[in-house]
Protein backbone atom coordinates (compact mmCIF):
# COMPACT_ATOMS: atom_id res chain seq x y z
CA UNK A 1 -5.28 27.01 0.07
CA UNK A 2 -7.32 24.00 0.93
CA UNK A 3 -10.66 24.43 2.57
CA UNK A 4 -11.42 23.86 5.89
CA UNK A 5 -13.94 20.96 7.41
CA UNK A 6 -16.74 23.50 7.78
CA UNK A 7 -15.72 25.33 4.35
CA UNK A 8 -15.82 21.80 2.70
CA UNK A 9 -19.38 21.22 4.53
CA UNK A 10 -21.09 24.50 2.98
CA UNK A 11 -19.42 23.49 -0.41
CA UNK A 12 -21.39 20.00 -0.20
CA UNK A 13 -24.41 22.10 0.87
CA UNK A 14 -24.36 24.37 -2.36
CA UNK A 15 -23.53 21.18 -4.50
CA UNK A 16 -27.26 19.71 -2.70
CA UNK A 17 -29.31 22.52 -2.63
CA UNK A 18 -27.49 25.10 -5.09
CA UNK A 19 -28.10 28.12 -2.89
CA UNK A 20 -27.50 28.83 0.84
CA UNK A 21 -28.45 31.22 2.85
CA UNK A 22 -25.91 33.22 5.18
CA UNK A 23 -28.52 33.43 8.62
CA UNK A 24 -29.24 29.54 7.64
CA UNK A 25 -25.69 28.49 7.76
CA UNK A 26 -24.86 30.29 10.74
CA UNK A 27 -27.89 28.68 13.04
CA UNK A 28 -26.23 25.12 11.04
CA UNK A 29 -22.91 25.29 12.55
CA UNK A 30 -23.88 27.30 15.73
CA UNK A 31 -21.10 30.30 14.32
CA UNK A 32 -21.84 33.93 13.75
CA UNK A 33 -23.05 35.55 10.18
CA UNK A 34 -19.68 36.93 10.20
CA UNK A 35 -17.89 33.67 9.89
CA UNK A 36 -20.29 32.27 7.57
CA UNK A 37 -19.53 35.41 5.26
CA UNK A 38 -15.97 34.87 5.42
CA UNK A 39 -16.23 31.20 4.29
CA UNK A 40 -18.52 31.99 1.39
CA UNK A 41 -15.70 34.59 0.51
CA UNK A 42 -13.01 32.34 0.50
CA UNK A 43 -15.38 29.77 -1.75
CA UNK A 44 -16.20 32.46 -4.02
CA UNK A 45 -12.37 33.72 -3.96
CA UNK A 46 -11.60 30.02 -5.02
CA UNK A 47 -14.04 29.87 -7.89
CA UNK A 48 -16.51 27.39 -6.11
CA UNK A 49 -19.28 29.81 -5.43
CA UNK A 50 -21.19 32.67 -6.30
CA UNK A 51 -22.29 35.90 -4.07
CA UNK A 52 -25.93 36.34 -3.82
CA UNK A 53 -27.93 38.73 -1.93
CA UNK A 54 -28.02 37.08 1.69
CA UNK A 55 -25.79 33.89 0.72
CA UNK A 56 -24.29 32.32 -2.10
CA UNK A 57 -25.17 30.06 -4.85
CA UNK A 58 -23.32 27.07 -6.70
CA UNK A 59 -20.95 26.84 -9.48
CA UNK A 60 -21.61 22.98 -9.29
CA UNK A 61 -19.91 21.54 -12.44
CA UNK A 62 -16.57 21.21 -13.18
CA UNK A 63 -17.01 23.25 -16.42
CA UNK A 64 -17.83 26.21 -14.01
CA UNK A 65 -14.60 26.10 -11.93
CA UNK A 66 -11.43 27.27 -13.02
CA UNK A 67 -8.60 24.78 -13.33
CA UNK A 68 -6.74 26.89 -10.48
CA UNK A 69 -9.59 26.59 -8.33
CA UNK A 70 -9.97 23.04 -8.50
CA UNK A 71 -6.51 22.59 -8.02
CA UNK A 72 -6.95 24.25 -4.53
CA UNK A 73 -9.61 22.04 -3.51
CA UNK A 74 -9.84 18.66 -1.45
CA UNK A 75 -5.79 19.08 -1.20
CA UNK A 76 -5.55 16.73 1.27
CA UNK A 77 -7.65 14.23 0.28
CA UNK A 78 -6.16 14.24 -3.29
CA UNK A 79 -2.85 14.16 -1.77
CA UNK A 80 -3.70 11.00 0.02
CA UNK A 81 -5.20 9.20 -3.22
CA UNK A 82 -2.12 10.05 -4.92
CA UNK A 83 -0.21 8.59 -2.29
CA UNK A 84 -2.17 5.34 -2.34
CA UNK A 85 -2.18 5.06 -6.05
CA UNK A 86 1.85 5.58 -5.97
CA UNK A 87 1.98 2.22 -4.01
CA UNK A 88 0.26 0.24 -6.81
CA UNK A 89 2.92 0.84 -9.06
CA UNK A 90 6.21 -0.78 -9.16
CA UNK A 91 9.38 0.83 -10.11
CA UNK A 92 10.61 0.37 -13.85
CA UNK A 93 7.30 -0.03 -15.36
CA UNK A 94 5.35 2.22 -18.05
CA UNK A 95 2.07 4.42 -17.37
CA UNK A 96 -0.24 6.62 -18.94
CA UNK A 97 -1.98 9.80 -16.90
CA UNK A 98 -4.85 11.97 -18.05
CA UNK A 99 -5.64 15.72 -17.35
CA UNK A 100 -6.90 16.40 -13.77
CA UNK A 101 -5.75 17.74 -10.65
CA UNK A 102 -5.71 14.11 -8.93
CA UNK A 103 -3.85 12.65 -11.61
CA UNK A 104 -1.34 15.44 -10.85
CA UNK A 105 -1.07 14.56 -7.17
CA UNK A 106 -0.51 10.77 -8.25
CA UNK A 107 2.71 12.31 -10.59
CA UNK A 108 4.15 14.14 -7.53
CA UNK A 109 3.97 10.94 -5.31
CA UNK A 110 6.04 8.90 -7.90
CA UNK A 111 9.01 11.34 -7.23
CA UNK A 112 10.79 8.11 -5.36
CA UNK A 113 10.18 5.48 -7.91
CA UNK A 114 12.80 4.40 -10.39
CA UNK A 115 12.64 3.84 -13.99
CA UNK A 116 9.14 5.01 -15.36
CA UNK A 117 8.12 5.51 -18.69
CA UNK A 118 5.18 8.04 -18.42
CA UNK A 119 3.05 9.32 -21.30
CA UNK A 120 0.60 12.03 -21.06
CA UNK A 121 -1.63 14.47 -22.44
CA UNK A 122 -0.97 16.68 -19.33
CA UNK A 123 1.56 19.21 -19.57
CA UNK A 124 1.79 19.80 -15.47
CA UNK A 125 2.42 16.29 -14.97
CA UNK A 126 5.38 16.22 -17.48
CA UNK A 127 7.20 19.10 -16.11
CA UNK A 128 6.38 18.29 -12.81
CA UNK A 129 8.23 15.06 -13.17
CA UNK A 130 11.19 16.77 -15.10
CA UNK A 131 14.76 16.15 -13.27
CA UNK A 132 13.33 13.53 -10.86
CA UNK A 133 14.21 9.61 -10.70
CA UNK A 134 15.73 9.13 -14.31
CA UNK A 135 12.54 8.72 -15.85
CA UNK A 136 11.31 8.45 -19.59
CA UNK A 137 8.80 11.08 -20.02
CA UNK A 138 6.58 11.28 -23.42
CA UNK A 139 4.06 14.21 -23.72
CA UNK A 140 1.13 13.72 -25.95
CA UNK A 141 1.43 16.00 -29.16
CA UNK A 142 -1.82 17.52 -30.37
CA UNK A 143 -4.03 20.77 -29.31
CA UNK A 144 -3.00 22.65 -26.52
CA UNK A 145 -5.70 23.90 -24.02
CA UNK A 146 -4.51 26.97 -22.40
CA UNK A 147 -6.76 26.82 -19.61
CA UNK A 148 -5.37 23.70 -17.64
CA UNK A 149 -2.62 22.19 -19.93
CA UNK A 150 -4.33 19.59 -21.73
CA UNK A 151 -3.73 18.39 -25.22
CA UNK A 152 -6.65 16.84 -26.78
CA UNK A 153 -7.69 15.92 -30.06
CA UNK A 154 -7.41 13.50 -32.83
CA UNK A 155 -4.10 13.65 -33.01
CA UNK A 156 -3.78 13.64 -29.03
CA UNK A 157 -5.46 10.06 -29.37
CA UNK A 158 -3.14 8.74 -32.23
CA UNK A 159 -0.33 9.70 -30.37
CA UNK A 160 -1.51 7.78 -27.22
CA UNK A 161 -2.33 4.58 -29.35
CA UNK A 162 1.19 4.56 -30.31
CA UNK A 163 1.81 3.09 -26.84
CA UNK A 164 0.57 0.15 -24.88
CA UNK A 165 1.66 0.60 -21.14
CA UNK A 166 1.80 -1.36 -17.79
CA UNK A 167 -0.64 0.95 -15.95
CA UNK A 168 -2.97 3.78 -16.85
CA UNK A 169 -3.97 6.21 -13.91
CA UNK A 170 -7.25 8.53 -14.98
CA UNK A 171 -9.42 11.01 -13.40
CA UNK A 172 -12.75 12.19 -14.01
CA UNK A 173 -15.34 15.04 -13.52
CA UNK A 174 -18.03 13.11 -12.08
CA UNK A 175 -19.41 9.20 -11.04
CA UNK A 176 -22.95 7.73 -11.26
CA UNK A 177 -23.80 5.46 -8.22
CA UNK A 178 -24.55 2.56 -11.41
CA UNK A 179 -20.39 2.56 -12.14
CA UNK A 180 -20.62 5.12 -14.74
CA UNK A 181 -17.25 7.22 -15.13
CA UNK A 182 -18.08 10.41 -16.52
CA UNK A 183 -16.97 13.64 -17.94
CA UNK A 184 -17.97 17.04 -19.69
CA UNK A 185 -15.82 17.26 -22.85
CA UNK A 186 -16.12 14.62 -25.19
CA UNK A 187 -12.35 15.76 -26.48
CA UNK A 188 -10.97 14.83 -22.75
CA UNK A 189 -13.18 11.59 -23.06
CA UNK A 190 -11.61 10.38 -26.08
CA UNK A 191 -8.00 10.57 -24.75
CA UNK A 192 -9.04 9.17 -21.36
CA UNK A 193 -10.53 5.85 -23.65
CA UNK A 194 -7.47 5.41 -25.67
CA UNK A 195 -5.24 5.24 -22.58
CA UNK A 196 -7.99 3.02 -20.93
CA UNK A 197 -7.48 0.83 -24.11
CA UNK A 198 -3.72 0.75 -24.27
CA UNK A 199 -3.01 -0.55 -20.67
CA UNK A 200 -2.63 -3.70 -18.78
CA UNK A 201 -3.60 -2.39 -15.55
CA UNK A 202 -6.44 0.10 -15.34
CA UNK A 203 -6.69 2.70 -12.16
CA UNK A 204 -9.09 5.18 -11.87
CA UNK A 205 -8.66 8.48 -8.95
CA UNK A 206 -11.73 10.59 -7.62
CA UNK A 207 -12.39 11.59 -4.42
CA UNK A 208 -16.04 11.09 -2.65
CA UNK A 209 -17.01 14.85 -3.89
CA UNK A 210 -17.26 13.37 -7.38
CA UNK A 211 -20.42 11.51 -7.04
CA UNK A 212 -21.95 14.94 -6.06
CA UNK A 213 -21.37 15.88 -10.01
CA UNK A 214 -23.04 14.70 -12.98
CA UNK A 215 -21.57 15.11 -16.22
CA UNK A 216 -23.19 13.58 -19.70
CA UNK A 217 -19.92 11.86 -21.28
CA UNK A 218 -19.25 7.98 -20.50
CA UNK A 219 -15.22 7.20 -20.28
CA UNK A 220 -16.13 3.60 -18.96
CA UNK A 221 -17.71 1.36 -16.38
CA UNK A 222 -16.25 -0.33 -13.50
CA UNK A 223 -16.04 -3.37 -15.30
CA UNK A 224 -13.09 -1.70 -17.10
CA UNK A 225 -11.16 -0.86 -14.34
CA UNK A 226 -8.95 -2.61 -11.86
CA UNK A 227 -8.49 -0.60 -9.02
CA UNK A 228 -10.68 2.56 -7.79
CA UNK A 229 -8.48 5.29 -5.03
CA UNK A 230 -10.85 7.55 -3.46
CA UNK A 231 -10.59 9.19 0.12
CA UNK A 232 -13.67 8.08 1.53
CA UNK A 233 -16.14 4.75 1.24
CA UNK A 234 -18.02 5.14 -2.03
CA UNK A 235 -21.99 5.01 -1.90
CA UNK A 236 -23.41 1.38 -1.34
CA UNK A 237 -24.63 1.16 -5.00
CA UNK A 238 -21.15 1.91 -6.29
CA UNK A 239 -19.65 -0.49 -4.09
CA UNK A 240 -21.74 -3.14 -4.87
CA UNK A 241 -21.17 -2.53 -8.85
CA UNK A 242 -17.44 -2.65 -7.81
CA UNK A 243 -17.40 -5.99 -6.78
CA UNK A 244 -19.76 -7.28 -9.55
CA UNK A 245 -17.15 -5.88 -11.71
CA UNK A 246 -14.21 -7.13 -9.99
CA UNK A 247 -12.51 -3.37 -9.23
CA UNK A 248 -10.97 -3.39 -6.04
CA UNK A 249 -11.80 -0.03 -4.24
CA UNK A 250 -8.67 1.78 -2.20
CA UNK A 251 -10.33 3.84 0.54
CA UNK A 252 -7.55 5.96 2.29
CA UNK A 253 -10.04 7.33 4.88
CA UNK A 254 -12.18 4.66 5.58
CA UNK A 255 -13.88 6.35 8.34
CA UNK A 256 -14.86 10.05 7.96
CA UNK A 257 -13.52 11.95 10.58
CA UNK A 258 -16.41 14.07 12.66
CA UNK A 259 -15.92 17.75 11.78
CA UNK A 260 -15.34 20.81 14.13
CA UNK A 261 -17.59 23.42 14.28
């Protein structure tokens, strides 16, 4: 279930303020308190917020979110990012992708491609591409994290290093305006770094909400990426950092559409 524009705005408000009140939101959006309570119930059901007396509080890090809930947020934005990224990838090439709900959308959009060799530590990507396009699918070996189907650990890193692919497509948990690409889990980061280090062209995929999060572990900086595909224009400082790094930004929705109340 994707979020409505108002629910997305409430989620953004939660990430900024960490706590919201029903009465305040009802006034801000010019709707009834019952409508806001239903919106908050949706966010809580999807694991994106927790109810409090008179409102809700934010679960404002990726670590707080169930992977299934993350799949259900920003679906339209991630699908558009996936479609645009697929346009950058030709037929008859090799690519590697890491764990993430946005990279899964990229994989779905590669269904019409032919002759791909796909290497991934994401079980969901490999199983989702079975039977499509006659691709060669290679699943990294290592420890499987049951929460999301990620294969991580030293064995996975060593496995990825066996390959030199044409394209790397990675997702991330957070982006800093100075151009840093960040994540929470050092084991995930090690795999992402191995993917980037063994690719000729490197693509980052992330929606605009990643600028509203912070994470402690650096994957890379913009200087290590040729392309960044996102849904809305990034902050000005990030855009300037991309120009300085020579990273091309692809925006699927150049101007944000007005939200309905």
